[in-house]
Amino acid sequence: GQYNTTSIPTFIQHAAVAALEQGDAFIRTMVGRCVESRAILVEGLSRIRGVTVVPPEGAFYLMVRVDTGETSLDLAFRLLREAKVGVA
């Protein structure tokens, strides 16, 4: 209810105008970066024995299957401990 009577702050209004007028180029740049990063990760992870990667069609994240014989939680902690890589 408060924005119906007091309005959105001016700086946010200016940011909205900038996003509407200039946002498409930024979005294209970010999508390109995500596509490139995803391709690098898919290629690299696919080379590792025991790792199966199914490339997503439009996401910036990857789902991988890792056959190590350990639980996913144990693997996550081992990756964090040994490689300093966090996974979810």
N, C-alpha and C. Protein backbone atom coordinates (compact mmCIF):
# COMPACT_ATOMS: atom_id res chain seq x y z
N GLY A 1 0.77 -1.18 0.00
CA GLY A 1 0.00 0.00 0.00
C GLY A 1 0.83 1.26 0.00
N GLN A 2 2.01 1.27 0.58
CA GLN A 2 2.76 2.51 0.71
C GLN A 2 3.14 3.11 -0.64
N TYR A 3 3.44 2.28 -1.66
CA TYR A 3 3.87 2.81 -2.95
C TYR A 3 2.71 3.42 -3.74
N ASN A 4 1.49 3.10 -3.37
CA ASN A 4 0.34 3.72 -4.02
C ASN A 4 0.19 5.18 -3.62
N THR A 5 0.72 5.54 -2.46
CA THR A 5 0.57 6.91 -1.98
C THR A 5 1.88 7.69 -1.99
N THR A 6 3.02 7.00 -1.89
CA THR A 6 4.30 7.73 -1.82
C THR A 6 5.17 7.55 -3.05
N SER A 7 4.93 6.57 -3.86
CA SER A 7 5.65 6.23 -5.09
C SER A 7 7.01 5.59 -4.82
N ILE A 8 7.56 5.05 -5.86
CA ILE A 8 8.87 4.39 -5.80
C ILE A 8 9.94 5.48 -5.83
N PRO A 9 11.04 5.32 -5.09
CA PRO A 9 12.10 6.34 -5.06
C PRO A 9 12.60 6.69 -6.47
N THR A 10 12.98 7.92 -6.65
CA THR A 10 13.41 8.44 -7.95
C THR A 10 14.56 7.63 -8.55
N PHE A 11 15.55 7.26 -7.73
CA PHE A 11 16.70 6.54 -8.27
C PHE A 11 16.27 5.18 -8.84
N ILE A 12 15.27 4.55 -8.25
CA ILE A 12 14.78 3.29 -8.78
C ILE A 12 14.02 3.52 -10.09
N GLN A 13 13.30 4.61 -10.18
CA GLN A 13 12.62 4.95 -11.43
C GLN A 13 13.63 5.16 -12.55
N HIS A 14 14.72 5.86 -12.25
CA HIS A 14 15.78 6.08 -13.26
C HIS A 14 16.43 4.75 -13.67
N ALA A 15 16.63 3.86 -12.70
CA ALA A 15 17.19 2.54 -13.01
C ALA A 15 16.25 1.75 -13.91
N ALA A 16 14.96 1.84 -13.67
CA ALA A 16 13.98 1.14 -14.50
C ALA A 16 14.01 1.66 -15.93
N VAL A 17 14.11 2.97 -16.09
CA VAL A 17 14.19 3.56 -17.43
C VAL A 17 15.45 3.08 -18.14
N ALA A 18 16.58 3.08 -17.44
CA ALA A 18 17.84 2.61 -18.04
C ALA A 18 17.74 1.14 -18.45
N ALA A 19 17.12 0.33 -17.60
CA ALA A 19 16.97 -1.09 -17.92
C ALA A 19 16.10 -1.28 -19.16
N LEU A 20 15.02 -0.52 -19.25
CA LEU A 20 14.14 -0.63 -20.42
C LEU A 20 14.82 -0.15 -21.69
N GLU A 21 15.62 0.90 -21.59
CA GLU A 21 16.25 1.47 -22.78
C GLU A 21 17.55 0.78 -23.18
N GLN A 22 18.29 0.25 -22.21
CA GLN A 22 19.62 -0.30 -22.49
C GLN A 22 19.78 -1.74 -22.06
N GLY A 23 18.75 -2.35 -21.54
CA GLY A 23 18.86 -3.68 -20.95
C GLY A 23 19.09 -4.80 -21.93
N ASP A 24 18.58 -4.68 -23.16
CA ASP A 24 18.71 -5.77 -24.12
C ASP A 24 20.17 -6.12 -24.41
N ALA A 25 21.02 -5.11 -24.58
CA ALA A 25 22.44 -5.37 -24.86
C ALA A 25 23.10 -6.07 -23.67
N PHE A 26 22.76 -5.62 -22.48
CA PHE A 26 23.32 -6.25 -21.28
C PHE A 26 22.89 -7.71 -21.19
N ILE A 27 21.61 -7.97 -21.43
CA ILE A 27 21.10 -9.34 -21.37
C ILE A 27 21.79 -10.21 -22.40
N ARG A 28 21.96 -9.71 -23.63
CA ARG A 28 22.66 -10.49 -24.67
C ARG A 28 24.09 -10.82 -24.23
N THR A 29 24.77 -9.85 -23.64
CA THR A 29 26.14 -10.08 -23.16
C THR A 29 26.17 -11.16 -22.08
N MET A 30 25.27 -11.07 -21.12
CA MET A 30 25.24 -12.04 -20.02
C MET A 30 24.86 -13.43 -20.52
N VAL A 31 23.91 -13.52 -21.43
CA VAL A 31 23.54 -14.82 -21.99
C VAL A 31 24.72 -15.42 -22.73
N GLY A 32 25.43 -14.62 -23.49
CA GLY A 32 26.62 -15.10 -24.20
C GLY A 32 27.68 -15.63 -23.26
N ARG A 33 27.91 -14.92 -22.17
CA ARG A 33 28.88 -15.37 -21.17
C ARG A 33 28.47 -16.70 -20.55
N CYS A 34 27.18 -16.82 -20.22
CA CYS A 34 26.69 -18.06 -19.62
C CYS A 34 26.79 -19.23 -20.58
N VAL A 35 26.48 -19.00 -21.85
CA VAL A 35 26.58 -20.06 -22.86
C VAL A 35 28.03 -20.53 -22.99
N GLU A 36 28.96 -19.57 -23.04
CA GLU A 36 30.38 -19.91 -23.15
C GLU A 36 30.88 -20.68 -21.93
N SER A 37 30.52 -20.20 -20.74
CA SER A 37 30.94 -20.87 -19.51
C SER A 37 30.37 -22.28 -19.43
N ARG A 38 29.10 -22.42 -19.80
CA ARG A 38 28.46 -23.74 -19.77
C ARG A 38 29.17 -24.69 -20.72
N ALA A 39 29.52 -24.24 -21.91
CA ALA A 39 30.20 -25.09 -22.88
C ALA A 39 31.57 -25.55 -22.35
N ILE A 40 32.28 -24.65 -21.72
CA ILE A 40 33.59 -24.99 -21.15
C ILE A 40 33.43 -26.06 -20.07
N LEU A 41 32.44 -25.87 -19.19
CA LEU A 41 32.23 -26.84 -18.11
C LEU A 41 31.76 -28.18 -18.64
N VAL A 42 30.84 -28.18 -19.59
CA VAL A 42 30.35 -29.45 -20.16
C VAL A 42 31.51 -30.20 -20.80
N GLU A 43 32.32 -29.51 -21.59
CA GLU A 43 33.44 -30.17 -22.25
C GLU A 43 34.45 -30.72 -21.24
N GLY A 44 34.81 -29.90 -20.27
CA GLY A 44 35.80 -30.33 -19.29
C GLY A 44 35.32 -31.47 -18.42
N LEU A 45 34.10 -31.36 -17.91
CA LEU A 45 33.58 -32.42 -17.04
C LEU A 45 33.34 -33.71 -17.80
N SER A 46 32.97 -33.62 -19.07
CA SER A 46 32.71 -34.82 -19.87
C SER A 46 33.97 -35.64 -20.10
N ARG A 47 35.13 -35.03 -19.95
CA ARG A 47 36.40 -35.74 -20.14
C ARG A 47 36.79 -36.59 -18.93
N ILE A 48 36.13 -36.36 -17.81
CA ILE A 48 36.50 -37.04 -16.57
C ILE A 48 35.78 -38.39 -16.50
N ARG A 49 36.56 -39.45 -16.33
CA ARG A 49 35.99 -40.79 -16.20
C ARG A 49 35.08 -40.85 -14.99
N GLY A 50 33.90 -41.42 -15.16
CA GLY A 50 32.95 -41.56 -14.08
C GLY A 50 32.00 -40.38 -13.92
N VAL A 51 32.18 -39.35 -14.75
CA VAL A 51 31.31 -38.17 -14.68
C VAL A 51 30.43 -38.15 -15.92
N THR A 52 29.13 -38.05 -15.71
CA THR A 52 28.17 -37.95 -16.80
C THR A 52 27.51 -36.58 -16.72
N VAL A 53 27.53 -35.86 -17.84
CA VAL A 53 26.94 -34.53 -17.91
C VAL A 53 25.88 -34.53 -19.00
N VAL A 54 24.71 -34.05 -18.68
CA VAL A 54 23.67 -33.86 -19.68
C VAL A 54 23.56 -32.35 -19.89
N PRO A 55 24.02 -31.85 -21.04
CA PRO A 55 23.98 -30.40 -21.27
C PRO A 55 22.55 -29.87 -21.24
N PRO A 56 22.30 -28.84 -20.44
CA PRO A 56 20.97 -28.25 -20.41
C PRO A 56 20.70 -27.46 -21.69
N GLU A 57 19.45 -27.33 -22.04
CA GLU A 57 19.11 -26.59 -23.25
C GLU A 57 19.11 -25.08 -23.04
N GLY A 58 18.86 -24.62 -21.84
CA GLY A 58 18.77 -23.19 -21.66
C GLY A 58 19.15 -22.68 -20.29
N ALA A 59 19.75 -23.50 -19.47
CA ALA A 59 20.09 -23.08 -18.11
C ALA A 59 21.57 -22.76 -18.01
N PHE A 60 21.94 -22.06 -16.96
CA PHE A 60 23.35 -21.75 -16.74
C PHE A 60 23.97 -22.65 -15.68
N TYR A 61 23.23 -23.65 -15.25
CA TYR A 61 23.75 -24.60 -14.27
C TYR A 61 23.83 -25.98 -14.90
N LEU A 62 24.57 -26.87 -14.27
CA LEU A 62 24.73 -28.23 -14.78
C LEU A 62 24.31 -29.24 -13.73
N MET A 63 23.73 -30.31 -14.22
CA MET A 63 23.44 -31.45 -13.37
C MET A 63 24.40 -32.55 -13.83
N VAL A 64 25.16 -33.07 -12.90
CA VAL A 64 26.13 -34.11 -13.25
C VAL A 64 25.91 -35.33 -12.37
N ARG A 65 26.29 -36.46 -12.92
CA ARG A 65 26.29 -37.71 -12.16
C ARG A 65 27.75 -38.11 -12.01
N VAL A 66 28.14 -38.36 -10.78
CA VAL A 66 29.52 -38.73 -10.50
C VAL A 66 29.50 -40.09 -9.82
N ASP A 67 30.09 -41.07 -10.49
CA ASP A 67 30.12 -42.44 -9.97
C ASP A 67 31.43 -42.66 -9.21
N THR A 68 31.38 -42.42 -7.90
CA THR A 68 32.57 -42.62 -7.07
C THR A 68 32.33 -43.66 -5.98
N GLY A 69 31.06 -44.06 -5.81
CA GLY A 69 30.75 -45.00 -4.75
C GLY A 69 30.49 -44.34 -3.41
N GLU A 70 30.61 -43.01 -3.35
CA GLU A 70 30.34 -42.31 -2.10
C GLU A 70 29.02 -41.55 -2.23
N THR A 71 28.48 -41.14 -1.10
CA THR A 71 27.23 -40.38 -1.14
C THR A 71 27.50 -39.00 -1.74
N SER A 72 26.45 -38.37 -2.22
CA SER A 72 26.61 -37.04 -2.80
C SER A 72 27.11 -36.04 -1.75
N LEU A 73 26.67 -36.20 -0.51
CA LEU A 73 27.13 -35.30 0.56
C LEU A 73 28.62 -35.51 0.83
N ASP A 74 29.05 -36.78 0.89
CA ASP A 74 30.48 -37.05 1.11
C ASP A 74 31.31 -36.50 -0.05
N LEU A 75 30.83 -36.67 -1.27
CA LEU A 75 31.54 -36.14 -2.43
C LEU A 75 31.61 -34.62 -2.37
N ALA A 76 30.51 -33.97 -2.01
CA ALA A 76 30.49 -32.51 -1.92
C ALA A 76 31.51 -32.01 -0.91
N PHE A 77 31.57 -32.66 0.25
CA PHE A 77 32.56 -32.25 1.25
C PHE A 77 33.99 -32.52 0.79
N ARG A 78 34.20 -33.63 0.07
CA ARG A 78 35.54 -33.95 -0.43
C ARG A 78 35.97 -32.92 -1.49
N LEU A 79 35.05 -32.55 -2.38
CA LEU A 79 35.37 -31.53 -3.38
C LEU A 79 35.72 -30.20 -2.72
N LEU A 80 34.98 -29.86 -1.68
CA LEU A 80 35.25 -28.62 -0.97
C LEU A 80 36.61 -28.67 -0.28
N ARG A 81 36.87 -29.78 0.37
CA ARG A 81 38.12 -29.94 1.13
C ARG A 81 39.34 -30.02 0.21
N GLU A 82 39.26 -30.85 -0.82
CA GLU A 82 40.44 -31.12 -1.65
C GLU A 82 40.62 -30.15 -2.80
N ALA A 83 39.52 -29.71 -3.43
CA ALA A 83 39.64 -28.87 -4.62
C ALA A 83 39.19 -27.43 -4.37
N LYS A 84 38.66 -27.17 -3.17
CA LYS A 84 38.15 -25.84 -2.83
C LYS A 84 37.02 -25.44 -3.78
N VAL A 85 36.16 -26.42 -4.16
CA VAL A 85 35.04 -26.19 -5.05
C VAL A 85 33.75 -26.51 -4.28
N GLY A 86 32.85 -25.56 -4.27
CA GLY A 86 31.57 -25.78 -3.61
C GLY A 86 30.53 -26.22 -4.62
N VAL A 87 29.75 -27.22 -4.25
CA VAL A 87 28.68 -27.72 -5.11
C VAL A 87 27.40 -27.82 -4.30
N ALA A 88 26.30 -27.85 -5.00
CA ALA A 88 25.00 -27.99 -4.33
C ALA A 88 24.30 -29.21 -4.90
